[in-house]
Amino acid sequence: MQKDFVIQNKMGMHARPAAQFVKCASRFKCDIWVEKDEEPVNGKSIMGLMMLAAGRGETISITTEGEDEEQAMAELEALVTSGFGDSE
């Protein structure tokens, strides 16, 4: 599965949102990749996610592949579209 998302929280995918993403992604057995500007990184790697430097308004692509890919995508989609819980 693959879907594109626009980062909506004010500070982008900085340390806290990246940690939230990794915590969520690590609960699943499937492979999870996040891509920005044609640079894919492991969605279970906080350093990889932070290296993307995905700011507000930028688009990331999430790919899930494996036995629980649909549930993983649904939960990651909810996290990203919620703005990682940021109140802005």
N, C-alpha and C. Protein backbone atom coordinates (compact mmCIF):
# COMPACT_ATOMS: atom_id res chain seq x y z
N MET A 1 0.84 -1.18 0.00
CA MET A 1 0.00 0.00 0.00
C MET A 1 0.89 1.24 0.00
N GLN A 2 0.40 2.27 -0.67
CA GLN A 2 1.15 3.53 -0.71
C GLN A 2 0.16 4.67 -0.72
N LYS A 3 0.42 5.68 0.13
CA LYS A 3 -0.42 6.88 0.17
C LYS A 3 0.47 8.09 0.40
N ASP A 4 0.00 9.23 -0.13
CA ASP A 4 0.69 10.50 0.07
C ASP A 4 -0.04 11.32 1.13
N PHE A 5 0.74 12.05 1.92
CA PHE A 5 0.18 12.89 2.98
C PHE A 5 0.91 14.22 3.01
N VAL A 6 0.18 15.28 3.35
CA VAL A 6 0.78 16.59 3.54
C VAL A 6 0.99 16.79 5.04
N ILE A 7 2.20 17.17 5.40
CA ILE A 7 2.51 17.43 6.81
C ILE A 7 1.77 18.70 7.22
N GLN A 8 0.97 18.59 8.28
CA GLN A 8 0.11 19.71 8.66
C GLN A 8 0.51 20.40 9.96
N ASN A 9 1.28 19.72 10.81
CA ASN A 9 1.61 20.38 12.07
C ASN A 9 2.64 21.49 11.85
N LYS A 10 2.59 22.48 12.71
CA LYS A 10 3.35 23.72 12.54
C LYS A 10 4.86 23.50 12.38
N MET A 11 5.43 22.62 13.18
CA MET A 11 6.89 22.43 13.18
C MET A 11 7.37 21.33 12.24
N GLY A 12 6.47 20.68 11.52
CA GLY A 12 6.88 19.61 10.63
C GLY A 12 7.23 18.35 11.40
N MET A 13 7.96 17.45 10.75
CA MET A 13 8.32 16.19 11.40
C MET A 13 9.65 16.35 12.14
N HIS A 14 9.60 17.04 13.28
CA HIS A 14 10.77 17.20 14.12
C HIS A 14 10.85 15.99 15.06
N ALA A 15 11.65 16.07 16.10
CA ALA A 15 11.94 14.91 16.95
C ALA A 15 10.70 14.26 17.56
N ARG A 16 9.80 15.04 18.15
CA ARG A 16 8.65 14.44 18.81
C ARG A 16 7.72 13.73 17.83
N PRO A 17 7.32 14.37 16.72
CA PRO A 17 6.48 13.64 15.76
C PRO A 17 7.19 12.42 15.15
N ALA A 18 8.49 12.53 14.91
CA ALA A 18 9.23 11.39 14.37
C ALA A 18 9.22 10.24 15.38
N ALA A 19 9.38 10.55 16.65
CA ALA A 19 9.35 9.52 17.69
C ALA A 19 7.96 8.87 17.77
N GLN A 20 6.91 9.68 17.64
CA GLN A 20 5.55 9.14 17.65
C GLN A 20 5.34 8.21 16.46
N PHE A 21 5.84 8.62 15.30
CA PHE A 21 5.70 7.82 14.09
C PHE A 21 6.39 6.47 14.26
N VAL A 22 7.64 6.51 14.75
CA VAL A 22 8.42 5.28 14.93
C VAL A 22 7.75 4.37 15.96
N LYS A 23 7.25 4.95 17.05
CA LYS A 23 6.58 4.15 18.07
C LYS A 23 5.38 3.42 17.48
N CYS A 24 4.61 4.12 16.68
CA CYS A 24 3.45 3.51 16.02
C CYS A 24 3.90 2.46 15.01
N ALA A 25 4.83 2.83 14.14
CA ALA A 25 5.29 1.93 13.07
C ALA A 25 5.91 0.65 13.61
N SER A 26 6.61 0.75 14.73
CA SER A 26 7.34 -0.39 15.29
C SER A 26 6.42 -1.48 15.84
N ARG A 27 5.15 -1.16 16.01
CA ARG A 27 4.20 -2.15 16.51
C ARG A 27 3.78 -3.15 15.43
N PHE A 28 4.14 -2.88 14.19
CA PHE A 28 3.70 -3.72 13.07
C PHE A 28 4.84 -4.54 12.50
N LYS A 29 4.47 -5.69 11.94
CA LYS A 29 5.46 -6.59 11.35
C LYS A 29 5.85 -6.17 9.93
N CYS A 30 4.96 -5.46 9.25
CA CYS A 30 5.21 -5.10 7.86
C CYS A 30 6.37 -4.11 7.73
N ASP A 31 6.91 -4.03 6.53
CA ASP A 31 7.92 -3.02 6.22
C ASP A 31 7.21 -1.70 6.01
N ILE A 32 7.81 -0.62 6.51
CA ILE A 32 7.23 0.71 6.37
C ILE A 32 8.32 1.65 5.87
N TRP A 33 8.01 2.31 4.77
CA TRP A 33 8.95 3.27 4.17
C TRP A 33 8.28 4.62 4.06
N VAL A 34 9.05 5.65 4.30
CA VAL A 34 8.57 7.02 4.16
C VAL A 34 9.48 7.71 3.16
N GLU A 35 8.89 8.40 2.19
CA GLU A 35 9.69 9.03 1.13
C GLU A 35 9.31 10.49 0.98
N LYS A 36 10.33 11.31 0.80
CA LYS A 36 10.14 12.73 0.47
C LYS A 36 11.20 13.10 -0.56
N ASP A 37 10.80 13.77 -1.60
CA ASP A 37 11.73 14.18 -2.67
C ASP A 37 12.55 13.00 -3.19
N GLU A 38 11.86 11.87 -3.42
CA GLU A 38 12.46 10.66 -3.97
C GLU A 38 13.56 10.07 -3.09
N GLU A 39 13.53 10.36 -1.79
CA GLU A 39 14.49 9.80 -0.84
C GLU A 39 13.73 8.94 0.17
N PRO A 40 13.78 7.60 0.00
CA PRO A 40 13.06 6.73 0.93
C PRO A 40 13.90 6.44 2.18
N VAL A 41 13.20 6.38 3.33
CA VAL A 41 13.86 6.00 4.58
C VAL A 41 12.96 4.98 5.30
N ASN A 42 13.57 4.21 6.17
CA ASN A 42 12.84 3.24 6.96
C ASN A 42 11.93 3.97 7.94
N GLY A 43 10.65 3.67 7.92
CA GLY A 43 9.68 4.32 8.80
C GLY A 43 9.81 3.93 10.25
N LYS A 44 10.70 2.98 10.54
CA LYS A 44 10.93 2.56 11.92
C LYS A 44 12.24 3.13 12.46
N SER A 45 12.81 4.10 11.73
CA SER A 45 14.08 4.72 12.11
C SER A 45 13.87 6.21 12.38
N ILE A 46 14.02 6.60 13.64
CA ILE A 46 13.83 8.01 13.99
C ILE A 46 14.84 8.90 13.27
N MET A 47 16.06 8.44 13.15
CA MET A 47 17.08 9.25 12.47
C MET A 47 16.74 9.40 10.99
N GLY A 48 16.28 8.33 10.37
CA GLY A 48 15.90 8.40 8.97
C GLY A 48 14.78 9.41 8.75
N LEU A 49 13.76 9.35 9.60
CA LEU A 49 12.64 10.28 9.46
C LEU A 49 13.08 11.73 9.67
N MET A 50 13.92 11.98 10.64
CA MET A 50 14.38 13.33 10.89
C MET A 50 15.26 13.84 9.74
N MET A 51 15.98 12.94 9.09
CA MET A 51 16.82 13.34 7.95
C MET A 51 15.97 13.82 6.77
N LEU A 52 14.73 13.39 6.68
CA LEU A 52 13.87 13.86 5.60
C LEU A 52 13.57 15.35 5.72
N ALA A 53 13.62 15.86 6.93
CA ALA A 53 13.34 17.28 7.20
C ALA A 53 12.02 17.71 6.55
N ALA A 54 10.99 16.93 6.80
CA ALA A 54 9.67 17.21 6.22
C ALA A 54 9.00 18.33 7.01
N GLY A 55 8.87 19.48 6.38
CA GLY A 55 8.27 20.64 7.02
C GLY A 55 6.79 20.74 6.72
N ARG A 56 6.16 21.68 7.40
CA ARG A 56 4.73 21.92 7.21
C ARG A 56 4.43 22.22 5.73
N GLY A 57 3.41 21.58 5.21
CA GLY A 57 3.01 21.78 3.83
C GLY A 57 3.72 20.89 2.83
N GLU A 58 4.73 20.15 3.28
CA GLU A 58 5.44 19.26 2.36
C GLU A 58 4.74 17.90 2.33
N THR A 59 4.92 17.20 1.22
CA THR A 59 4.27 15.90 1.02
C THR A 59 5.25 14.77 1.28
N ILE A 60 4.78 13.79 2.05
CA ILE A 60 5.53 12.55 2.24
C ILE A 60 4.68 11.41 1.68
N SER A 61 5.35 10.37 1.29
CA SER A 61 4.68 9.17 0.79
C SER A 61 4.99 8.04 1.76
N ILE A 62 3.96 7.37 2.25
CA ILE A 62 4.15 6.24 3.16
C ILE A 62 3.80 4.96 2.41
N THR A 63 4.69 3.98 2.49
CA THR A 63 4.46 2.67 1.88
C THR A 63 4.52 1.61 2.96
N THR A 64 3.51 0.75 3.01
CA THR A 64 3.50 -0.38 3.93
C THR A 64 3.42 -1.65 3.10
N GLU A 65 4.20 -2.66 3.50
CA GLU A 65 4.23 -3.90 2.73
C GLU A 65 4.42 -5.08 3.67
N GLY A 66 3.41 -5.95 3.73
CA GLY A 66 3.51 -7.12 4.58
C GLY A 66 2.16 -7.52 5.14
N GLU A 67 2.18 -8.44 6.08
CA GLU A 67 0.94 -9.06 6.55
C GLU A 67 -0.04 -8.11 7.23
N ASP A 68 0.44 -7.09 7.92
CA ASP A 68 -0.47 -6.18 8.62
C ASP A 68 -0.41 -4.77 8.02
N GLU A 69 -0.14 -4.70 6.72
CA GLU A 69 0.05 -3.41 6.05
C GLU A 69 -1.17 -2.50 6.10
N GLU A 70 -2.37 -3.06 6.02
CA GLU A 70 -3.56 -2.21 6.02
C GLU A 70 -3.78 -1.55 7.38
N GLN A 71 -3.62 -2.29 8.45
CA GLN A 71 -3.79 -1.72 9.78
C GLN A 71 -2.70 -0.69 10.06
N ALA A 72 -1.47 -1.00 9.64
CA ALA A 72 -0.36 -0.05 9.83
C ALA A 72 -0.65 1.25 9.09
N MET A 73 -1.09 1.15 7.85
CA MET A 73 -1.38 2.36 7.07
C MET A 73 -2.49 3.17 7.73
N ALA A 74 -3.53 2.51 8.19
CA ALA A 74 -4.65 3.20 8.82
C ALA A 74 -4.20 3.98 10.06
N GLU A 75 -3.37 3.35 10.89
CA GLU A 75 -2.94 4.02 12.11
C GLU A 75 -1.94 5.14 11.82
N LEU A 76 -1.05 4.93 10.86
CA LEU A 76 -0.10 5.98 10.51
C LEU A 76 -0.81 7.15 9.84
N GLU A 77 -1.80 6.85 9.02
CA GLU A 77 -2.59 7.91 8.39
C GLU A 77 -3.28 8.76 9.45
N ALA A 78 -3.87 8.11 10.45
CA ALA A 78 -4.54 8.85 11.53
C ALA A 78 -3.55 9.74 12.27
N LEU A 79 -2.35 9.23 12.51
CA LEU A 79 -1.34 10.00 13.22
C LEU A 79 -0.90 11.22 12.42
N VAL A 80 -0.60 11.02 11.15
CA VAL A 80 -0.11 12.13 10.31
C VAL A 80 -1.20 13.17 10.08
N THR A 81 -2.41 12.71 9.76
CA THR A 81 -3.48 13.67 9.47
C THR A 81 -3.96 14.41 10.71
N SER A 82 -3.67 13.87 11.90
CA SER A 82 -4.02 14.58 13.13
C SER A 82 -3.00 15.68 13.45
N GLY A 83 -1.96 15.78 12.63
CA GLY A 83 -0.90 16.76 12.91
C GLY A 83 -0.04 16.30 14.08
N PHE A 84 0.01 14.99 14.32
CA PHE A 84 0.80 14.41 15.41
C PHE A 84 0.34 14.94 16.76
N GLY A 85 -0.93 15.33 16.84
CA GLY A 85 -1.47 15.80 18.10
C GLY A 85 -1.11 17.22 18.46
N ASP A 86 -0.40 17.94 17.56
CA ASP A 86 -0.07 19.33 17.83
C ASP A 86 -1.35 20.16 17.86
N SER A 87 -1.42 21.10 18.76
CA SER A 87 -2.64 21.88 18.92
C SER A 87 -2.77 23.02 17.90
N GLU A 88 -1.68 23.33 17.17
CA GLU A 88 -1.75 24.42 16.18
C GLU A 88 -2.50 23.95 14.95
